[in-house]
């Protein structure tokens, strides 16, 4: 039997998280602009309006991402991977009860990532279970990061000794603190919500974040 490969390989860069509860036209327009700036990964946050047509919005977002070869992930609701082929993967906020069962149900290769907060045990679990990347939240205080604990740069540095997976940092990320954080630890990408979607010109903001991320890499 032929073994299918995953649709994309995540290596780092700018990881944009979309809030599906906002006005759809605004979301799609902002996303289009951000993609023109050079977004590397897109995730749809599990914050849906109660009456949302999830597959319909996912397909509209995918129609913008696919031409630019940008992977599209869903947060938490992995069953949508089975039902909506346009999705490329899932991001978990906590360790799922049984990843093998999820993989068996979905029946196709998909990208998997997880938020580690400050837990190196979660990093080790991700490494042991063949995940594609890990994300640390929250590096700085942030309203959009919710209840995430603050993660120290030392934790991210220790994670690098445990895995070669791409490491993303999230929560309160700004153009200024990316530079200061890079002096304390290495990381491969940044995950952002309002810092891009709240900008008047998402395309330009993404370009600025890309420059800050690539400058003087450790």
C-alpha atoms as a PDB file:
ATOM      1  CA  UNK A   1       0.000   0.000   0.000  1.00  0.00           C
ATOM      2  CA  UNK A   2       1.310   3.440  -0.929  1.00  0.00           C
ATOM      3  CA  UNK A   3       2.090   5.675   2.060  1.00  0.00           C
ATOM      4  CA  UNK A   4       0.872   9.206   1.484  1.00  0.00           C
ATOM      5  CA  UNK A   5       2.971  12.110   2.681  1.00  0.00           C
ATOM      6  CA  UNK A   6       1.653  15.080   4.635  1.00  0.00           C
ATOM      7  CA  UNK A   7       0.383  17.925   2.459  1.00  0.00           C
ATOM      8  CA  UNK A   8       2.932  20.452   3.753  1.00  0.00           C
ATOM      9  CA  UNK A   9       5.974  20.612   6.001  1.00  0.00           C
ATOM     10  CA  UNK A  10       6.066  23.391   8.577  1.00  0.00           C
ATOM     11  CA  UNK A  11       9.487  24.885   9.225  1.00  0.00           C
ATOM     12  CA  UNK A  12       8.721  28.179  10.983  1.00  0.00           C
ATOM     13  CA  UNK A  13       7.863  31.729   9.966  1.00  0.00           C
ATOM     14  CA  UNK A  14       4.679  33.687  10.612  1.00  0.00           C
ATOM     15  CA  UNK A  15       1.769  31.623  11.949  1.00  0.00           C
ATOM     16  CA  UNK A  16      -1.531  33.501  11.720  1.00  0.00           C
ATOM     17  CA  UNK A  17      -4.435  32.538  13.988  1.00  0.00           C
ATOM     18  CA  UNK A  18      -7.901  33.560  12.722  1.00  0.00           C
ATOM     19  CA  UNK A  19     -10.890  34.273  14.944  1.00  0.00           C
ATOM     20  CA  UNK A  20     -13.893  32.841  13.029  1.00  0.00           C
ATOM     21  CA  UNK A  21     -16.343  34.770  15.212  1.00  0.00           C
ATOM     22  CA  UNK A  22     -15.531  38.115  13.570  1.00  0.00           C
ATOM     23  CA  UNK A  23     -17.350  39.461  10.528  1.00  0.00           C
ATOM     24  CA  UNK A  24     -16.672  37.085   7.641  1.00  0.00           C
ATOM     25  CA  UNK A  25     -16.019  39.741   5.014  1.00  0.00           C
ATOM     26  CA  UNK A  26     -13.552  41.476   7.303  1.00  0.00           C
ATOM     27  CA  UNK A  27     -11.818  38.197   8.149  1.00  0.00           C
ATOM     28  CA  UNK A  28     -11.382  37.201   4.515  1.00  0.00           C
ATOM     29  CA  UNK A  29     -10.207  40.652   3.435  1.00  0.00           C
ATOM     30  CA  UNK A  30      -7.647  40.844   6.248  1.00  0.00           C
ATOM     31  CA  UNK A  31      -6.489  37.297   5.524  1.00  0.00           C
ATOM     32  CA  UNK A  32      -6.041  38.079   1.833  1.00  0.00           C
ATOM     33  CA  UNK A  33      -3.881  41.072   2.717  1.00  0.00           C
ATOM     34  CA  UNK A  34      -1.845  39.096   5.273  1.00  0.00           C
ATOM     35  CA  UNK A  35      -1.185  36.293   2.778  1.00  0.00           C
ATOM     36  CA  UNK A  36       0.188  38.833   0.327  1.00  0.00           C
ATOM     37  CA  UNK A  37       2.664  39.845   3.040  1.00  0.00           C
ATOM     38  CA  UNK A  38       4.033  36.311   3.361  1.00  0.00           C
ATOM     39  CA  UNK A  39       2.134  34.266   5.958  1.00  0.00           C
ATOM     40  CA  UNK A  40       3.546  30.736   6.395  1.00  0.00           C
ATOM     41  CA  UNK A  41       0.788  28.937   8.329  1.00  0.00           C
ATOM     42  CA  UNK A  42      -2.892  29.691   9.063  1.00  0.00           C
ATOM     43  CA  UNK A  43      -4.975  28.271  11.905  1.00  0.00           C
ATOM     44  CA  UNK A  44      -8.698  28.763  12.517  1.00  0.00           C
ATOM     45  CA  UNK A  45      -9.226  29.231  16.250  1.00  0.00           C
ATOM     46  CA  UNK A  46     -11.962  27.229  17.976  1.00  0.00           C
ATOM     47  CA  UNK A  47     -14.100  30.294  18.707  1.00  0.00           C
ATOM     48  CA  UNK A  48     -17.068  29.862  16.419  1.00  0.00           C
ATOM     49  CA  UNK A  49     -20.357  31.737  16.369  1.00  0.00           C
ATOM     50  CA  UNK A  50     -23.105  29.318  17.533  1.00  0.00           C
ATOM     51  CA  UNK A  51     -24.792  29.374  14.112  1.00  0.00           C
ATOM     52  CA  UNK A  52     -21.603  29.239  12.036  1.00  0.00           C
ATOM     53  CA  UNK A  53     -21.410  27.070   8.929  1.00  0.00           C
ATOM     54  CA  UNK A  54     -17.949  25.746   9.732  1.00  0.00           C
ATOM     55  CA  UNK A  55     -17.242  23.833   6.489  1.00  0.00           C
ATOM     56  CA  UNK A  56     -18.333  26.812   4.388  1.00  0.00           C
ATOM     57  CA  UNK A  57     -15.984  29.248   6.133  1.00  0.00           C
ATOM     58  CA  UNK A  58     -13.125  26.739   6.144  1.00  0.00           C
ATOM     59  CA  UNK A  59     -13.458  26.307   2.387  1.00  0.00           C
ATOM     60  CA  UNK A  60     -13.460  30.072   1.836  1.00  0.00           C
ATOM     61  CA  UNK A  61     -10.307  30.447   3.919  1.00  0.00           C
ATOM     62  CA  UNK A  62      -8.715  27.496   2.125  1.00  0.00           C
ATOM     63  CA  UNK A  63      -9.476  29.073  -1.250  1.00  0.00           C
ATOM     64  CA  UNK A  64      -7.212  31.967  -0.246  1.00  0.00           C
ATOM     65  CA  UNK A  65      -4.484  29.806   1.329  1.00  0.00           C
ATOM     66  CA  UNK A  66      -4.125  27.061  -1.291  1.00  0.00           C
ATOM     67  CA  UNK A  67      -2.874  29.221  -4.202  1.00  0.00           C
ATOM     68  CA  UNK A  68      -0.015  30.370  -1.971  1.00  0.00           C
ATOM     69  CA  UNK A  69       0.721  26.856  -0.645  1.00  0.00           C
ATOM     70  CA  UNK A  70      -0.049  27.940   2.914  1.00  0.00           C
ATOM     71  CA  UNK A  71      -1.199  25.082   5.182  1.00  0.00           C
ATOM     72  CA  UNK A  72      -4.558  25.528   6.910  1.00  0.00           C
ATOM     73  CA  UNK A  73      -5.091  24.011  10.355  1.00  0.00           C
ATOM     74  CA  UNK A  74      -8.109  23.757  12.626  1.00  0.00           C
ATOM     75  CA  UNK A  75      -7.867  24.322  16.371  1.00  0.00           C
ATOM     76  CA  UNK A  76      -9.057  21.470  18.601  1.00  0.00           C
ATOM     77  CA  UNK A  77     -12.016  20.229  16.528  1.00  0.00           C
ATOM     78  CA  UNK A  78     -10.133  17.444  14.765  1.00  0.00           C
ATOM     79  CA  UNK A  79     -13.329  15.777  13.481  1.00  0.00           C
ATOM     80  CA  UNK A  80     -13.469  18.556  10.892  1.00  0.00           C
ATOM     81  CA  UNK A  81     -10.308  17.038   9.370  1.00  0.00           C
ATOM     82  CA  UNK A  82     -12.373  13.999   8.455  1.00  0.00           C
ATOM     83  CA  UNK A  83     -15.270  16.041   7.102  1.00  0.00           C
ATOM     84  CA  UNK A  84     -13.514  18.937   5.328  1.00  0.00           C
ATOM     85  CA  UNK A  85     -10.730  17.815   2.948  1.00  0.00           C
ATOM     86  CA  UNK A  86      -9.508  21.412   2.533  1.00  0.00           C
ATOM     87  CA  UNK A  87      -8.006  21.283   6.033  1.00  0.00           C
ATOM     88  CA  UNK A  88      -4.352  20.258   6.276  1.00  0.00           C
ATOM     89  CA  UNK A  89      -4.002  19.663   9.997  1.00  0.00           C
ATOM     90  CA  UNK A  90      -5.027  20.272  13.593  1.00  0.00           C
ATOM     91  CA  UNK A  91      -3.588  22.245  16.481  1.00  0.00           C
ATOM     92  CA  UNK A  92      -4.233  21.011  20.011  1.00  0.00           C
ATOM     93  CA  UNK A  93      -4.193  23.194  23.120  1.00  0.00           C
ATOM     94  CA  UNK A  94      -3.671  20.138  25.354  1.00  0.00           C
ATOM     95  CA  UNK A  95      -2.550  16.545  24.839  1.00  0.00           C
ATOM     96  CA  UNK A  96      -5.453  14.651  23.189  1.00  0.00           C
ATOM     97  CA  UNK A  97      -6.822  11.502  24.796  1.00  0.00           C
ATOM     98  CA  UNK A  98      -5.688   9.230  21.956  1.00  0.00           C
ATOM     99  CA  UNK A  99      -3.784  10.528  18.949  1.00  0.00           C
ATOM    100  CA  UNK A 100      -3.641   7.052  17.325  1.00  0.00           C
ATOM    101  CA  UNK A 101      -7.448   6.896  17.346  1.00  0.00           C
ATOM    102  CA  UNK A 102      -7.674  10.356  15.773  1.00  0.00           C
ATOM    103  CA  UNK A 103      -5.239   9.344  13.040  1.00  0.00           C
ATOM    104  CA  UNK A 104      -7.228   6.194  12.380  1.00  0.00           C
ATOM    105  CA  UNK A 105     -10.523   8.092  12.124  1.00  0.00           C
ATOM    106  CA  UNK A 106      -9.166  10.816   9.818  1.00  0.00           C
ATOM    107  CA  UNK A 107      -7.595   8.229   7.486  1.00  0.00           C
ATOM    108  CA  UNK A 108      -5.219  10.630   5.716  1.00  0.00           C
ATOM    109  CA  UNK A 109      -1.915  12.280   6.590  1.00  0.00           C
ATOM    110  CA  UNK A 110      -2.250  15.617   8.368  1.00  0.00           C
ATOM    111  CA  UNK A 111      -0.135  18.179  10.199  1.00  0.00           C
ATOM    112  CA  UNK A 112      -0.278  18.141  13.994  1.00  0.00           C
ATOM    113  CA  UNK A 113       0.902  20.782  16.440  1.00  0.00           C
ATOM    114  CA  UNK A 114       0.371  21.526  20.112  1.00  0.00           C
ATOM    115  CA  UNK A 115       0.612  24.380  22.593  1.00  0.00           C
ATOM    116  CA  UNK A 116       3.092  23.492  25.306  1.00  0.00           C
ATOM    117  CA  UNK A 117       2.644  26.425  27.690  1.00  0.00           C
ATOM    118  CA  UNK A 118       5.567  25.915  30.055  1.00  0.00           C
ATOM    119  CA  UNK A 119       5.516  22.111  30.049  1.00  0.00           C
ATOM    120  CA  UNK A 120       8.576  20.311  28.755  1.00  0.00           C
ATOM    121  CA  UNK A 121       6.660  17.076  29.323  1.00  0.00           C
ATOM    122  CA  UNK A 122       4.337  18.161  26.511  1.00  0.00           C
ATOM    123  CA  UNK A 123       7.345  18.834  24.308  1.00  0.00           C
ATOM    124  CA  UNK A 124       8.618  15.332  25.020  1.00  0.00           C
ATOM    125  CA  UNK A 125       5.179  13.885  24.235  1.00  0.00           C
ATOM    126  CA  UNK A 126       5.096  15.786  20.947  1.00  0.00           C
ATOM    127  CA  UNK A 127       8.540  14.462  20.031  1.00  0.00           C
ATOM    128  CA  UNK A 128       7.598  10.877  20.928  1.00  0.00           C
ATOM    129  CA  UNK A 129       4.357  11.036  18.927  1.00  0.00           C
ATOM    130  CA  UNK A 130       5.780  12.528  15.756  1.00  0.00           C
ATOM    131  CA  UNK A 131       4.148  15.946  15.843  1.00  0.00           C
ATOM    132  CA  UNK A 132       5.199  18.596  13.342  1.00  0.00           C
ATOM    133  CA  UNK A 133       5.773  21.594  15.620  1.00  0.00           C
ATOM    134  CA  UNK A 134       5.178  22.964  19.115  1.00  0.00           C
ATOM    135  CA  UNK A 135       4.077  26.421  20.238  1.00  0.00           C
ATOM    136  CA  UNK A 136       4.757  28.220  23.515  1.00  0.00           C
ATOM    137  CA  UNK A 137       2.058  30.480  24.941  1.00  0.00           C
ATOM    138  CA  UNK A 138       2.204  32.998  26.387  1.00  0.00           C
ATOM    139  CA  UNK A 139       5.609  34.615  26.118  1.00  0.00           C
ATOM    140  CA  UNK A 140       4.201  38.028  27.090  1.00  0.00           C
ATOM    141  CA  UNK A 141       0.905  39.230  28.612  1.00  0.00           C
ATOM    142  CA  UNK A 142      -1.830  39.231  25.978  1.00  0.00           C
ATOM    143  CA  UNK A 143      -5.623  39.522  25.990  1.00  0.00           C
ATOM    144  CA  UNK A 144      -5.936  37.115  23.053  1.00  0.00           C
ATOM    145  CA  UNK A 145      -3.776  34.487  24.787  1.00  0.00           C
ATOM    146  CA  UNK A 146      -6.548  33.916  27.317  1.00  0.00           C
ATOM    147  CA  UNK A 147      -5.501  31.919  30.335  1.00  0.00           C
ATOM    148  CA  UNK A 148      -2.066  30.901  29.066  1.00  0.00           C
ATOM    149  CA  UNK A 149       0.662  30.986  31.707  1.00  0.00           C
ATOM    150  CA  UNK A 150       3.693  33.150  31.019  1.00  0.00           C
ATOM    151  CA  UNK A 151       6.513  31.050  29.554  1.00  0.00           C
ATOM    152  CA  UNK A 152      10.154  31.902  30.241  1.00  0.00           C
ATOM    153  CA  UNK A 153      12.751  32.091  27.462  1.00  0.00           C
ATOM    154  CA  UNK A 154      14.716  29.462  29.392  1.00  0.00           C
ATOM    155  CA  UNK A 155      11.870  26.976  28.876  1.00  0.00           C
ATOM    156  CA  UNK A 156      12.007  27.519  25.109  1.00  0.00           C
ATOM    157  CA  UNK A 157      15.782  27.138  25.213  1.00  0.00           C
ATOM    158  CA  UNK A 158      15.478  23.849  27.106  1.00  0.00           C
ATOM    159  CA  UNK A 159      12.883  22.619  24.609  1.00  0.00           C
ATOM    160  CA  UNK A 160      15.410  23.053  21.815  1.00  0.00           C
ATOM    161  CA  UNK A 161      17.616  20.490  23.561  1.00  0.00           C
ATOM    162  CA  UNK A 162      14.711  18.003  23.504  1.00  0.00           C
ATOM    163  CA  UNK A 163      13.591  18.280  19.890  1.00  0.00           C
ATOM    164  CA  UNK A 164      14.426  19.457  16.395  1.00  0.00           C
ATOM    165  CA  UNK A 165      10.778  20.277  15.694  1.00  0.00           C
ATOM    166  CA  UNK A 166      10.045  23.890  14.748  1.00  0.00           C
ATOM    167  CA  UNK A 167       9.403  26.006  17.846  1.00  0.00           C
ATOM    168  CA  UNK A 168       6.855  28.819  17.694  1.00  0.00           C
ATOM    169  CA  UNK A 169       6.391  31.506  20.337  1.00  0.00           C
ATOM    170  CA  UNK A 170       3.040  33.199  20.904  1.00  0.00           C
ATOM    171  CA  UNK A 171       1.234  35.641  23.140  1.00  0.00           C
ATOM    172  CA  UNK A 172       1.830  39.372  23.158  1.00  0.00           C
ATOM    173  CA  UNK A 173       4.392  39.210  20.346  1.00  0.00           C
ATOM    174  CA  UNK A 174       5.405  42.633  18.993  1.00  0.00           C
ATOM    175  CA  UNK A 175       8.023  43.854  16.564  1.00  0.00           C
ATOM    176  CA  UNK A 176      10.043  45.133  19.500  1.00  0.00           C
ATOM    177  CA  UNK A 177       9.972  42.115  21.798  1.00  0.00           C
ATOM    178  CA  UNK A 178      10.839  39.661  19.002  1.00  0.00           C
ATOM    179  CA  UNK A 179      14.285  41.277  18.889  1.00  0.00           C
ATOM    180  CA  UNK A 180      14.782  41.117  22.646  1.00  0.00           C
ATOM    181  CA  UNK A 181      13.487  37.535  22.862  1.00  0.00           C
ATOM    182  CA  UNK A 182      15.875  36.353  20.144  1.00  0.00           C
ATOM    183  CA  UNK A 183      18.764  37.469  22.326  1.00  0.00           C
ATOM    184  CA  UNK A 184      17.626  35.021  25.017  1.00  0.00           C
ATOM    185  CA  UNK A 185      16.624  31.927  23.043  1.00  0.00           C
ATOM    186  CA  UNK A 186      16.289  30.600  19.511  1.00  0.00           C
ATOM    187  CA  UNK A 187      12.906  29.885  17.928  1.00  0.00           C
ATOM    188  CA  UNK A 188      11.656  29.250  14.417  1.00  0.00           C
ATOM    189  CA  UNK A 189       8.443  31.203  14.189  1.00  0.00           C
ATOM    190  CA  UNK A 190       5.871  33.438  15.821  1.00  0.00           C
ATOM    191  CA  UNK A 191       2.123  32.892  16.190  1.00  0.00           C
ATOM    192  CA  UNK A 192      -0.013  36.028  16.081  1.00  0.00           C
ATOM    193  CA  UNK A 193      -3.701  36.966  16.152  1.00  0.00           C
ATOM    194  CA  UNK A 194      -4.495  40.635  16.767  1.00  0.00           C
ATOM    195  CA  UNK A 195      -1.006  41.873  15.924  1.00  0.00           C
ATOM    196  CA  UNK A 196      -1.815  41.170  12.269  1.00  0.00           C
ATOM    197  CA  UNK A 197      -5.609  40.952  12.013  1.00  0.00           C
ATOM    198  CA  UNK A 198      -5.995  44.162  13.994  1.00  0.00           C
ATOM    199  CA  UNK A 199      -3.626  46.093  11.735  1.00  0.00           C
ATOM    200  CA  UNK A 200      -4.923  48.605   9.201  1.00  0.00           C
ATOM    201  CA  UNK A 201      -2.551  47.088   6.625  1.00  0.00           C
ATOM    202  CA  UNK A 202      -1.998  43.378   7.424  1.00  0.00           C
ATOM    203  CA  UNK A 203       0.261  42.895   4.395  1.00  0.00           C
ATOM    204  CA  UNK A 204       2.707  45.528   5.582  1.00  0.00           C
ATOM    205  CA  UNK A 205       2.561  44.297   9.177  1.00  0.00           C
ATOM    206  CA  UNK A 206       3.415  40.743   8.093  1.00  0.00           C
ATOM    207  CA  UNK A 207       6.391  42.029   6.121  1.00  0.00           C
ATOM    208  CA  UNK A 208       7.594  43.888   9.203  1.00  0.00           C
ATOM    209  CA  UNK A 209       7.245  40.757  11.350  1.00  0.00           C
ATOM    210  CA  UNK A 210       9.123  38.705   8.745  1.00  0.00           C
ATOM    211  CA  UNK A 211      11.990  41.186   8.810  1.00  0.00           C
ATOM    212  CA  UNK A 212      12.130  41.175  12.597  1.00  0.00           C
ATOM    213  CA  UNK A 213      12.035  37.374  12.695  1.00  0.00           C
ATOM    214  CA  UNK A 214      14.794  36.918  10.117  1.00  0.00           C
ATOM    215  CA  UNK A 215      17.153  39.636  11.375  1.00  0.00           C
ATOM    216  CA  UNK A 216      20.242  38.395  13.230  1.00  0.00           C
ATOM    217  CA  UNK A 217      18.981  34.857  13.749  1.00  0.00           C
ATOM    218  CA  UNK A 218      20.712  33.023  16.617  1.00  0.00           C
END
